[in-house]
Amino acid sequence: MINNRKLEKGEIVYDRLFLYLLKEKGIEIEKVNCIKPHVLTLESKTGRYVMKRYKEKERVIRTYNLLQEASKKSFTQSINFIPYPDGTLTFSYEGGYWALMNYREGRALNYYKRSERTEALSLLSSFHNSTKAINTYKLAPLLLEERWRKRLSYFEQNSAFLHRREREDILYDGAFLLDKVRETSLIHPSLQAINHGDVASHNFLKSADMVRLIDFDLVHYDSVFYDYLQLTRRFLHYTNASLIPLLLHNELLSWFREPRFLYALLYQDDLFKAWPKLLQKSNRNKIEKALFFNQARKRMLMPQIQFFLSQIR
């Protein structure tokens, strides 16, 4: 059955031409389902697939080559693109490039569970180890501090309506912590590798046989500090902002002895990153809620970070 419903503006309409051109490439569709505007699942006589749309063909090729190279270094717990039956890696349609992957059953990891946090850390470490040393793909660094500085500046320019004391406290903390992160920069060759860039739980696909790391759209070459920082910040959402459960993970212990990592954990990037969307929605309740959670997180984390910093000194 072909689900050929019309989608909202901005989404791909998989019409007869789309299906015909796909058939020409060797995929004869029996059923198609839209997961997101840029992600489709397909059922055909030859199997089940996922199709994902990209703006640039080069990104597909880069990811394909990267994972091919990583697999030669024993990293096989991922889902790479596969060529279409006609031998090509992308399918061009209406200005986008569609890449094909085998469909895998599975679910997102649950970061509330210690065992599944361990699985995420182990898999991430394996990926880093397979991509160390040489930046073959000329990937740019993340420039984390520069990104944070821009978000802080945007908040400063677009938060005049807040209570003066509250706003000044947030800005002071942001500037102070950003300076501390810069002062304690970690630049060491052994820490350089390709970072995944988006270690959300849904990018770890857990199935019966293994956990796979998926969605490499935000890869960059830099210190692995960034991936572990992002993963730890996500874990904290499931531990009520407590670092204590995370001390059970050996992969994180060395990071808790690094001042830069500790200062970065305190930095309020979740608030600054969300600020443009919060203003777009013009919902005062959501803004107040975001500010409340930001303050609650700070109150929980501050004494813990101060303790770890005192142990370093």
C-alpha atoms as a PDB file:
ATOM      1  CA  MET A   1       0.000   0.000   0.000  1.00  0.00           C
ATOM      2  CA  ILE A   2       1.339   3.434  -0.909  1.00  0.00           C
ATOM      3  CA  ASN A   3       0.616   6.062   1.685  1.00  0.00           C
ATOM      4  CA  ASN A   4       0.560   9.066  -0.655  1.00  0.00           C
ATOM      5  CA  ARG A   5      -0.949  11.639   1.680  1.00  0.00           C
ATOM      6  CA  LYS A   6      -0.240  15.321   1.127  1.00  0.00           C
ATOM      7  CA  LEU A   7       2.103  16.680   3.746  1.00  0.00           C
ATOM      8  CA  GLU A   8       2.457  20.091   5.338  1.00  0.00           C
ATOM      9  CA  LYS A   9       4.218  22.879   3.475  1.00  0.00           C
ATOM     10  CA  GLY A  10       7.962  22.351   3.481  1.00  0.00           C
ATOM     11  CA  GLU A  11       7.774  18.558   3.547  1.00  0.00           C
ATOM     12  CA  ILE A  12       8.581  16.299   0.652  1.00  0.00           C
ATOM     13  CA  VAL A  13       5.525  15.021  -1.209  1.00  0.00           C
ATOM     14  CA  TYR A  14       6.362  11.485  -2.269  1.00  0.00           C
ATOM     15  CA  ASP A  15       4.238  11.557  -5.396  1.00  0.00           C
ATOM     16  CA  ARG A  16       4.191   9.212  -8.388  1.00  0.00           C
ATOM     17  CA  LEU A  17       7.278  10.842  -9.915  1.00  0.00           C
ATOM     18  CA  PHE A  18       9.236  10.311  -6.693  1.00  0.00           C
ATOM     19  CA  LEU A  19       8.230   6.639  -6.616  1.00  0.00           C
ATOM     20  CA  TYR A  20       8.867   6.185 -10.322  1.00  0.00           C
ATOM     21  CA  LEU A  21      12.382   7.635 -10.112  1.00  0.00           C
ATOM     22  CA  LEU A  22      13.089   5.475  -7.075  1.00  0.00           C
ATOM     23  CA  LYS A  23      11.968   2.424  -9.048  1.00  0.00           C
ATOM     24  CA  GLU A  24      14.378   3.415 -11.816  1.00  0.00           C
ATOM     25  CA  LYS A  25      17.179   3.213  -9.236  1.00  0.00           C
ATOM     26  CA  GLY A  26      16.115  -0.316  -8.363  1.00  0.00           C
ATOM     27  CA  ILE A  27      13.823   0.185  -5.343  1.00  0.00           C
ATOM     28  CA  GLU A  28      10.222  -0.803  -6.031  1.00  0.00           C
ATOM     29  CA  ILE A  29       8.147   0.475  -3.125  1.00  0.00           C
ATOM     30  CA  GLU A  30       5.222  -1.397  -1.595  1.00  0.00           C
ATOM     31  CA  LYS A  31       4.757   0.936   1.375  1.00  0.00           C
ATOM     32  CA  VAL A  32       6.224   4.273   2.418  1.00  0.00           C
ATOM     33  CA  ASN A  33       5.805   6.095   5.703  1.00  0.00           C
ATOM     34  CA  CYS A  34       6.886   9.598   6.713  1.00  0.00           C
ATOM     35  CA  ILE A  35       8.683   9.705  10.083  1.00  0.00           C
ATOM     36  CA  LYS A  36       9.870  13.314   9.723  1.00  0.00           C
ATOM     37  CA  PRO A  37       9.818  15.739   6.769  1.00  0.00           C
ATOM     38  CA  HIS A  38      13.294  14.526   5.813  1.00  0.00           C
ATOM     39  CA  VAL A  39      13.057  10.881   6.931  1.00  0.00           C
ATOM     40  CA  LEU A  40      11.033   8.093   5.309  1.00  0.00           C
ATOM     41  CA  THR A  41      10.741   4.382   5.977  1.00  0.00           C
ATOM     42  CA  LEU A  42      10.252   2.145   2.962  1.00  0.00           C
ATOM     43  CA  GLU A  43       9.067  -1.406   2.464  1.00  0.00           C
ATOM     44  CA  SER A  44       9.928  -3.098  -0.792  1.00  0.00           C
ATOM     45  CA  LYS A  45      10.290  -6.577  -2.225  1.00  0.00           C
ATOM     46  CA  THR A  46      13.998  -6.471  -1.389  1.00  0.00           C
ATOM     47  CA  GLY A  47      13.640  -5.380   2.250  1.00  0.00           C
ATOM     48  CA  ARG A  48      12.958  -2.497   4.623  1.00  0.00           C
ATOM     49  CA  TYR A  49      14.892   0.743   4.389  1.00  0.00           C
ATOM     50  CA  VAL A  50      15.225   4.227   5.829  1.00  0.00           C
ATOM     51  CA  MET A  51      15.669   7.167   3.475  1.00  0.00           C
ATOM     52  CA  LYS A  52      17.049  10.484   4.717  1.00  0.00           C
ATOM     53  CA  ARG A  53      17.250  13.761   2.815  1.00  0.00           C
ATOM     54  CA  TYR A  54      20.301  16.040   2.829  1.00  0.00           C
ATOM     55  CA  LYS A  55      20.933  19.446   1.328  1.00  0.00           C
ATOM     56  CA  GLU A  56      24.472  18.522   0.270  1.00  0.00           C
ATOM     57  CA  LYS A  57      25.584  15.377  -1.478  1.00  0.00           C
ATOM     58  CA  GLU A  58      29.069  15.791   0.006  1.00  0.00           C
ATOM     59  CA  ARG A  59      27.754  15.222   3.525  1.00  0.00           C
ATOM     60  CA  VAL A  60      26.413  11.804   2.554  1.00  0.00           C
ATOM     61  CA  ILE A  61      29.687  10.827   0.892  1.00  0.00           C
ATOM     62  CA  ARG A  62      31.725  12.066   3.870  1.00  0.00           C
ATOM     63  CA  THR A  63      29.673  10.105   6.407  1.00  0.00           C
ATOM     64  CA  TYR A  64      29.737   6.974   4.257  1.00  0.00           C
ATOM     65  CA  ASN A  65      33.532   7.103   3.894  1.00  0.00           C
ATOM     66  CA  LEU A  66      34.048   7.935   7.556  1.00  0.00           C
ATOM     67  CA  LEU A  67      32.052   4.927   8.758  1.00  0.00           C
ATOM     68  CA  GLN A  68      33.695   2.682   6.166  1.00  0.00           C
ATOM     69  CA  GLU A  69      37.086   3.733   7.528  1.00  0.00           C
ATOM     70  CA  ALA A  70      35.947   3.320  11.146  1.00  0.00           C
ATOM     71  CA  SER A  71      34.721  -0.200  10.385  1.00  0.00           C
ATOM     72  CA  LYS A  72      38.250  -1.121   9.271  1.00  0.00           C
ATOM     73  CA  LYS A  73      39.346  -0.165  12.801  1.00  0.00           C
ATOM     74  CA  SER A  74      36.764  -2.487  14.383  1.00  0.00           C
ATOM     75  CA  PHE A  75      33.981   0.077  14.868  1.00  0.00           C
ATOM     76  CA  THR A  76      30.987  -1.715  13.340  1.00  0.00           C
ATOM     77  CA  GLN A  77      28.236  -0.631  15.754  1.00  0.00           C
ATOM     78  CA  SER A  78      26.689   1.960  13.476  1.00  0.00           C
ATOM     79  CA  ILE A  79      24.278   2.140  10.566  1.00  0.00           C
ATOM     80  CA  ASN A  80      25.972   3.351   7.428  1.00  0.00           C
ATOM     81  CA  PHE A  81      24.426   4.362   4.124  1.00  0.00           C
ATOM     82  CA  ILE A  82      24.181   1.707   1.438  1.00  0.00           C
ATOM     83  CA  PRO A  83      24.348   2.238  -2.328  1.00  0.00           C
ATOM     84  CA  TYR A  84      21.131   1.971  -4.317  1.00  0.00           C
ATOM     85  CA  PRO A  85      20.839  -1.103  -6.528  1.00  0.00           C
ATOM     86  CA  ASP A  86      22.116   0.966  -9.473  1.00  0.00           C
ATOM     87  CA  GLY A  87      25.374   1.556  -7.588  1.00  0.00           C
ATOM     88  CA  THR A  88      24.873   5.242  -6.688  1.00  0.00           C
ATOM     89  CA  LEU A  89      24.972   6.564  -3.137  1.00  0.00           C
ATOM     90  CA  THR A  90      22.337   9.307  -3.415  1.00  0.00           C
ATOM     91  CA  PHE A  91      18.980   9.898  -5.081  1.00  0.00           C
ATOM     92  CA  SER A  92      18.414  13.492  -6.185  1.00  0.00           C
ATOM     93  CA  TYR A  93      14.872  14.871  -5.987  1.00  0.00           C
ATOM     94  CA  GLU A  94      13.571  18.436  -5.779  1.00  0.00           C
ATOM     95  CA  GLY A  95      16.865  19.945  -4.681  1.00  0.00           C
ATOM     96  CA  GLY A  96      17.626  17.351  -2.010  1.00  0.00           C
ATOM     97  CA  TYR A  97      19.810  14.259  -1.887  1.00  0.00           C
ATOM     98  CA  TRP A  98      18.231  11.131  -0.433  1.00  0.00           C
ATOM     99  CA  ALA A  99      20.484   8.496   1.112  1.00  0.00           C
ATOM    100  CA  LEU A 100      19.483   4.908   1.812  1.00  0.00           C
ATOM    101  CA  MET A 101      20.070   2.786   4.936  1.00  0.00           C
ATOM    102  CA  ASN A 102      18.963  -0.653   6.010  1.00  0.00           C
ATOM    103  CA  TYR A 103      16.117  -0.500   8.530  1.00  0.00           C
ATOM    104  CA  ARG A 104      16.939  -1.765  12.018  1.00  0.00           C
ATOM    105  CA  GLU A 105      14.483  -2.455  14.808  1.00  0.00           C
ATOM    106  CA  GLY A 106      15.350  -0.847  18.109  1.00  0.00           C
ATOM    107  CA  ARG A 107      14.672   1.825  20.694  1.00  0.00           C
ATOM    108  CA  ALA A 108      16.498   4.773  22.194  1.00  0.00           C
ATOM    109  CA  LEU A 109      18.706   4.210  25.222  1.00  0.00           C
ATOM    110  CA  ASN A 110      17.259   5.124  28.598  1.00  0.00           C
ATOM    111  CA  TYR A 111      19.761   7.370  30.393  1.00  0.00           C
ATOM    112  CA  TYR A 112      17.907   6.844  33.656  1.00  0.00           C
ATOM    113  CA  LYS A 113      19.385   3.338  33.790  1.00  0.00           C
ATOM    114  CA  ARG A 114      23.003   3.012  34.855  1.00  0.00           C
ATOM    115  CA  SER A 115      23.534   0.024  32.542  1.00  0.00           C
ATOM    116  CA  GLU A 116      22.367   1.970  29.510  1.00  0.00           C
ATOM    117  CA  ARG A 117      24.477   5.007  30.396  1.00  0.00           C
ATOM    118  CA  THR A 118      27.400   2.584  30.493  1.00  0.00           C
ATOM    119  CA  GLU A 119      26.483   1.293  27.040  1.00  0.00           C
ATOM    120  CA  ALA A 120      26.426   4.828  25.655  1.00  0.00           C
ATOM    121  CA  LEU A 121      29.814   5.700  27.173  1.00  0.00           C
ATOM    122  CA  SER A 122      31.418   2.471  25.982  1.00  0.00           C
ATOM    123  CA  LEU A 123      30.133   2.874  22.433  1.00  0.00           C
ATOM    124  CA  LEU A 124      31.160   6.524  22.271  1.00  0.00           C
ATOM    125  CA  SER A 125      34.659   5.657  23.493  1.00  0.00           C
ATOM    126  CA  SER A 126      34.920   2.961  20.825  1.00  0.00           C
ATOM    127  CA  PHE A 127      33.937   5.474  18.143  1.00  0.00           C
ATOM    128  CA  HIS A 128      36.531   7.985  19.347  1.00  0.00           C
ATOM    129  CA  ASN A 129      39.264   5.340  19.427  1.00  0.00           C
ATOM    130  CA  SER A 130      38.524   4.393  15.826  1.00  0.00           C
ATOM    131  CA  THR A 131      38.756   8.006  14.613  1.00  0.00           C
ATOM    132  CA  LYS A 132      41.794   9.306  16.511  1.00  0.00           C
ATOM    133  CA  ALA A 133      44.936  10.957  15.258  1.00  0.00           C
ATOM    134  CA  ILE A 134      44.384  11.997  11.641  1.00  0.00           C
ATOM    135  CA  ASN A 135      41.625  14.305  10.451  1.00  0.00           C
ATOM    136  CA  THR A 136      41.326  12.585   7.071  1.00  0.00           C
ATOM    137  CA  TYR A 137      38.070  14.293   6.210  1.00  0.00           C
ATOM    138  CA  LYS A 138      39.244  17.862   6.953  1.00  0.00           C
ATOM    139  CA  LEU A 139      36.414  18.344   9.426  1.00  0.00           C
ATOM    140  CA  ALA A 140      36.280  21.734  11.099  1.00  0.00           C
ATOM    141  CA  PRO A 141      36.606  22.068  14.892  1.00  0.00           C
ATOM    142  CA  LEU A 142      33.523  22.915  16.890  1.00  0.00           C
ATOM    143  CA  LEU A 143      34.798  26.245  18.329  1.00  0.00           C
ATOM    144  CA  LEU A 144      32.657  25.690  21.403  1.00  0.00           C
ATOM    145  CA  GLU A 145      33.627  28.870  23.246  1.00  0.00           C
ATOM    146  CA  GLU A 146      32.822  31.014  20.206  1.00  0.00           C
ATOM    147  CA  ARG A 147      29.403  29.395  19.885  1.00  0.00           C
ATOM    148  CA  TRP A 148      28.724  29.949  23.567  1.00  0.00           C
ATOM    149  CA  ARG A 149      29.871  33.586  23.366  1.00  0.00           C
ATOM    150  CA  LYS A 150      27.411  34.280  20.524  1.00  0.00           C
ATOM    151  CA  ARG A 151      24.520  32.704  22.426  1.00  0.00           C
ATOM    152  CA  LEU A 152      25.383  34.677  25.552  1.00  0.00           C
ATOM    153  CA  SER A 153      25.521  37.892  23.495  1.00  0.00           C
ATOM    154  CA  TYR A 154      22.119  37.131  21.956  1.00  0.00           C
ATOM    155  CA  PHE A 155      20.644  36.575  25.412  1.00  0.00           C
ATOM    156  CA  GLU A 156      22.098  39.855  26.642  1.00  0.00           C
ATOM    157  CA  GLN A 157      20.602  41.769  23.701  1.00  0.00           C
ATOM    158  CA  ASN A 158      17.176  40.114  23.982  1.00  0.00           C
ATOM    159  CA  SER A 159      16.441  39.833  27.683  1.00  0.00           C
ATOM    160  CA  ALA A 160      15.905  43.446  28.802  1.00  0.00           C
ATOM    161  CA  PHE A 161      12.329  42.603  29.833  1.00  0.00           C
ATOM    162  CA  LEU A 162      13.526  40.312  32.639  1.00  0.00           C
ATOM    163  CA  HIS A 163      13.782  41.418  36.233  1.00  0.00           C
ATOM    164  CA  ARG A 164      17.029  43.394  36.488  1.00  0.00           C
ATOM    165  CA  ARG A 165      18.623  41.370  39.294  1.00  0.00           C
ATOM    166  CA  GLU A 166      17.739  38.038  37.707  1.00  0.00           C
ATOM    167  CA  ARG A 167      19.113  39.115  34.337  1.00  0.00           C
ATOM    168  CA  GLU A 168      22.330  40.497  35.805  1.00  0.00           C
ATOM    169  CA  ASP A 169      22.950  37.294  37.773  1.00  0.00           C
ATOM    170  CA  ILE A 170      22.538  35.141  34.658  1.00  0.00           C
ATOM    171  CA  LEU A 171      24.798  37.381  32.575  1.00  0.00           C
ATOM    172  CA  TYR A 172      27.452  37.561  35.300  1.00  0.00           C
ATOM    173  CA  ASP A 173      27.501  33.791  35.762  1.00  0.00           C
ATOM    174  CA  GLY A 174      27.603  33.248  31.997  1.00  0.00           C
ATOM    175  CA  ALA A 175      30.543  35.606  31.445  1.00  0.00           C
ATOM    176  CA  PHE A 176      32.437  34.291  34.494  1.00  0.00           C
ATOM    177  CA  LEU A 177      32.082  30.634  33.517  1.00  0.00           C
ATOM    178  CA  LEU A 178      32.896  31.298  29.875  1.00  0.00           C
ATOM    179  CA  ASP A 179      36.145  32.963  30.954  1.00  0.00           C
ATOM    180  CA  LYS A 180      36.949  30.010  33.212  1.00  0.00           C
ATOM    181  CA  VAL A 181      36.349  27.534  30.372  1.00  0.00           C
ATOM    182  CA  ARG A 182      38.711  29.538  28.153  1.00  0.00           C
ATOM    183  CA  GLU A 183      41.392  29.804  30.834  1.00  0.00           C
ATOM    184  CA  THR A 184      41.440  26.049  31.440  1.00  0.00           C
ATOM    185  CA  SER A 185      41.347  24.971  27.780  1.00  0.00           C
ATOM    186  CA  LEU A 186      42.206  21.308  27.130  1.00  0.00           C
ATOM    187  CA  ILE A 187      44.296  20.921  23.993  1.00  0.00           C
ATOM    188  CA  HIS A 188      46.120  17.621  23.912  1.00  0.00           C
ATOM    189  CA  PRO A 189      46.791  15.340  20.895  1.00  0.00           C
ATOM    190  CA  SER A 190      45.561  12.254  22.754  1.00  0.00           C
ATOM    191  CA  LEU A 191      42.128  13.858  23.153  1.00  0.00           C
ATOM    192  CA  GLN A 192      41.686  14.704  19.479  1.00  0.00           C
ATOM    193  CA  ALA A 193      39.234  12.580  17.495  1.00  0.00           C
ATOM    194  CA  ILE A 194      36.079  12.828  15.470  1.00  0.00           C
ATOM    195  CA  ASN A 195      33.230  13.841  17.778  1.00  0.00           C
ATOM    196  CA  HIS A 196      29.742  12.542  17.079  1.00  0.00           C
ATOM    197  CA  GLY A 197      28.243  15.921  17.971  1.00  0.00           C
ATOM    198  CA  ASP A 198      24.730  14.852  19.003  1.00  0.00           C
ATOM    199  CA  VAL A 199      24.754  12.210  21.724  1.00  0.00           C
ATOM    200  CA  ALA A 200      21.027  12.367  22.495  1.00  0.00           C
ATOM    201  CA  SER A 201      19.591   9.061  23.694  1.00  0.00           C
ATOM    202  CA  HIS A 202      17.679   8.592  20.413  1.00  0.00           C
ATOM    203  CA  ASN A 203      20.980   8.470  18.525  1.00  0.00           C
ATOM    204  CA  PHE A 204      21.877   5.251  20.341  1.00  0.00           C
ATOM    205  CA  LEU A 205      19.707   2.502  18.865  1.00  0.00           C
ATOM    206  CA  LYS A 206      19.352  -0.470  21.198  1.00  0.00           C
ATOM    207  CA  SER A 207      18.195  -3.720  19.656  1.00  0.00           C
ATOM    208  CA  ALA A 208      18.306  -7.337  20.744  1.00  0.00           C
ATOM    209  CA  ASP A 209      21.819  -7.982  19.442  1.00  0.00           C
ATOM    210  CA  MET A 210      23.665  -4.690  20.086  1.00  0.00           C
ATOM    211  CA  VAL A 211      23.590  -0.929  20.582  1.00  0.00           C
ATOM    212  CA  ARG A 212      24.365   1.144  17.500  1.00  0.00           C
ATOM    213  CA  LEU A 213      25.441   4.768  17.204  1.00  0.00           C
ATOM    214  CA  ILE A 214      23.463   6.548  14.473  1.00  0.00           C
ATOM    215  CA  ASP A 215      23.021   9.972  12.840  1.00  0.00           C
ATOM    216  CA  PHE A 216      26.465  11.415  12.147  1.00  0.00           C
ATOM    217  CA  ASP A 217      25.237  14.712  10.696  1.00  0.00           C
ATOM    218  CA  LEU A 218      27.080  16.891  13.250  1.00  0.00           C
ATOM    219  CA  VAL A 219      30.502  15.221  13.302  1.00  0.00           C
ATOM    220  CA  HIS A 220      33.515  17.484  13.815  1.00  0.00           C
ATOM    221  CA  TYR A 221      37.184  17.012  14.620  1.00  0.00           C
ATOM    222  CA  ASP A 222      38.139  18.361  18.016  1.00  0.00           C
ATOM    223  CA  SER A 223      38.842  17.335  21.593  1.00  0.00           C
ATOM    224  CA  VAL A 224      36.490  14.553  22.694  1.00  0.00           C
ATOM    225  CA  PHE A 225      35.776  16.881  25.628  1.00  0.00           C
ATOM    226  CA  TYR A 226      32.722  18.089  23.730  1.00  0.00           C
ATOM    227  CA  ASP A 227      31.038  14.691  23.303  1.00  0.00           C
ATOM    228  CA  TYR A 228      31.608  13.748  26.950  1.00  0.00           C
ATOM    229  CA  LEU A 229      30.426  17.142  28.139  1.00  0.00           C
ATOM    230  CA  GLN A 230      27.237  16.913  26.108  1.00  0.00           C
ATOM    231  CA  LEU A 231      26.609  13.339  27.225  1.00  0.00           C
ATOM    232  CA  THR A 232      27.152  14.200  30.904  1.00  0.00           C
ATOM    233  CA  ARG A 233      24.788  17.178  30.648  1.00  0.00           C
ATOM    234  CA  ARG A 234      22.149  14.854  29.189  1.00  0.00           C
ATOM    235  CA  PHE A 235      22.725  12.285  31.934  1.00  0.00           C
ATOM    236  CA  LEU A 236      22.134  14.991  34.551  1.00  0.00           C
ATOM    237  CA  HIS A 237      18.551  15.395  33.305  1.00  0.00           C
ATOM    238  CA  TYR A 238      17.959  11.823  34.521  1.00  0.00           C
ATOM    239  CA  THR A 239      19.854  12.026  37.829  1.00  0.00           C
ATOM    240  CA  ASN A 240      18.110  15.127  39.185  1.00  0.00           C
ATOM    241  CA  ALA A 241      21.291  17.129  38.475  1.00  0.00           C
ATOM    242  CA  SER A 242      23.293  14.898  40.814  1.00  0.00           C
ATOM    243  CA  LEU A 243      26.836  13.892  39.876  1.00  0.00           C
ATOM    244  CA  ILE A 244      26.926  11.102  42.450  1.00  0.00           C
ATOM    245  CA  PRO A 245      25.407   8.365  40.197  1.00  0.00           C
ATOM    246  CA  LEU A 246      27.842   9.365  37.456  1.00  0.00           C
ATOM    247  CA  LEU A 247      30.864   8.630  39.655  1.00  0.00           C
ATOM    248  CA  LEU A 248      30.106   4.949  39.023  1.00  0.00           C
ATOM    249  CA  HIS A 249      31.155   5.386  35.381  1.00  0.00           C
ATOM    250  CA  ASN A 250      34.926   5.021  34.992  1.00  0.00           C
ATOM    251  CA  GLU A 251      34.856   6.800  31.638  1.00  0.00           C
ATOM    252  CA  LEU A 252      33.791  10.025  33.392  1.00  0.00           C
ATOM    253  CA  LEU A 253      36.043  10.019  36.462  1.00  0.00           C
ATOM    254  CA  SER A 254      39.016  11.627  34.731  1.00  0.00           C
ATOM    255  CA  TRP A 255      36.787  14.384  33.376  1.00  0.00           C
ATOM    256  CA  PHE A 256      35.576  15.253  36.869  1.00  0.00           C
ATOM    257  CA  ARG A 257      39.203  16.102  37.669  1.00  0.00           C
ATOM    258  CA  GLU A 258      39.400  18.632  34.841  1.00  0.00           C
ATOM    259  CA  PRO A 259      38.495  22.255  35.808  1.00  0.00           C
ATOM    260  CA  ARG A 260      37.381  23.099  32.284  1.00  0.00           C
ATOM    261  CA  PHE A 261      34.905  20.220  32.269  1.00  0.00           C
ATOM    262  CA  LEU A 262      33.490  21.214  35.657  1.00  0.00           C
ATOM    263  CA  TYR A 263      33.080  24.884  34.747  1.00  0.00           C
ATOM    264  CA  ALA A 264      31.463  23.871  31.457  1.00  0.00           C
ATOM    265  CA  LEU A 265      28.932  21.699  33.299  1.00  0.00           C
ATOM    266  CA  LEU A 266      27.814  24.787  35.226  1.00  0.00           C
ATOM    267  CA  TYR A 267      27.549  26.961  32.129  1.00  0.00           C
ATOM    268  CA  GLN A 268      23.894  27.708  31.345  1.00  0.00           C
ATOM    269  CA  ASP A 269      23.996  26.800  27.674  1.00  0.00           C
ATOM    270  CA  ASP A 270      20.631  25.007  27.738  1.00  0.00           C
ATOM    271  CA  LEU A 271      18.962  28.326  28.554  1.00  0.00           C
ATOM    272  CA  PHE A 272      20.972  30.406  26.068  1.00  0.00           C
ATOM    273  CA  LYS A 273      20.472  27.867  23.281  1.00  0.00           C
ATOM    274  CA  ALA A 274      16.703  27.765  23.831  1.00  0.00           C
ATOM    275  CA  TRP A 275      16.291  31.537  24.196  1.00  0.00           C
ATOM    276  CA  PRO A 276      15.542  32.396  20.506  1.00  0.00           C
ATOM    277  CA  LYS A 277      12.770  29.775  20.354  1.00  0.00           C
ATOM    278  CA  LEU A 278      11.345  30.878  23.685  1.00  0.00           C
ATOM    279  CA  LEU A 279      11.120  34.456  22.405  1.00  0.00           C
ATOM    280  CA  GLN A 280       9.547  33.309  19.126  1.00  0.00           C
ATOM    281  CA  LYS A 281       6.757  31.577  20.996  1.00  0.00           C
ATOM    282  CA  SER A 282       6.218  34.693  23.133  1.00  0.00           C
ATOM    283  CA  ASN A 283       4.923  32.471  25.921  1.00  0.00           C
ATOM    284  CA  ARG A 284       5.717  34.068  29.267  1.00  0.00           C
ATOM    285  CA  ASN A 285       4.887  30.863  31.142  1.00  0.00           C
ATOM    286  CA  LYS A 286       7.428  28.872  29.150  1.00  0.00           C
ATOM    287  CA  ILE A 287      10.057  31.570  29.658  1.00  0.00           C
ATOM    288  CA  GLU A 288       9.413  31.568  33.414  1.00  0.00           C
ATOM    289  CA  LYS A 289       9.575  27.780  33.465  1.00  0.00           C
ATOM    290  CA  ALA A 290      12.916  27.785  31.614  1.00  0.00           C
ATOM    291  CA  LEU A 291      14.325  30.350  34.057  1.00  0.00           C
ATOM    292  CA  PHE A 292      13.072  28.342  37.033  1.00  0.00           C
ATOM    293  CA  PHE A 293      14.694  25.120  35.818  1.00  0.00           C
ATOM    294  CA  ASN A 294      17.894  26.988  35.036  1.00  0.00           C
ATOM    295  CA  GLN A 295      18.071  28.290  38.608  1.00  0.00           C
ATOM    296  CA  ALA A 296      17.138  24.909  40.095  1.00  0.00           C
ATOM    297  CA  ARG A 297      19.902  23.208  38.105  1.00  0.00           C
ATOM    298  CA  LYS A 298      22.402  25.830  39.260  1.00  0.00           C
ATOM    299  CA  ARG A 299      21.433  25.344  42.916  1.00  0.00           C
ATOM    300  CA  MET A 300      21.869  21.576  42.614  1.00  0.00           C
ATOM    301  CA  LEU A 301      25.150  21.627  40.688  1.00  0.00           C
ATOM    302  CA  MET A 302      27.016  24.528  42.321  1.00  0.00           C
ATOM    303  CA  PRO A 303      28.004  22.846  45.629  1.00  0.00           C
ATOM    304  CA  GLN A 304      28.957  19.643  43.818  1.00  0.00           C
ATOM    305  CA  ILE A 305      31.194  21.461  41.336  1.00  0.00           C
ATOM    306  CA  GLN A 306      32.772  23.507  44.124  1.00  0.00           C
ATOM    307  CA  PHE A 307      33.584  20.268  45.966  1.00  0.00           C
ATOM    308  CA  PHE A 308      35.273  18.714  42.919  1.00  0.00           C
ATOM    309  CA  LEU A 309      37.227  21.910  42.239  1.00  0.00           C
ATOM    310  CA  SER A 310      38.452  21.980  45.844  1.00  0.00           C
ATOM    311  CA  GLN A 311      39.763  18.430  45.460  1.00  0.00           C
ATOM    312  CA  ILE A 312      41.768  19.459  42.391  1.00  0.00           C
ATOM    313  CA  ARG A 313      43.362  22.424  44.128  1.00  0.00           C
END
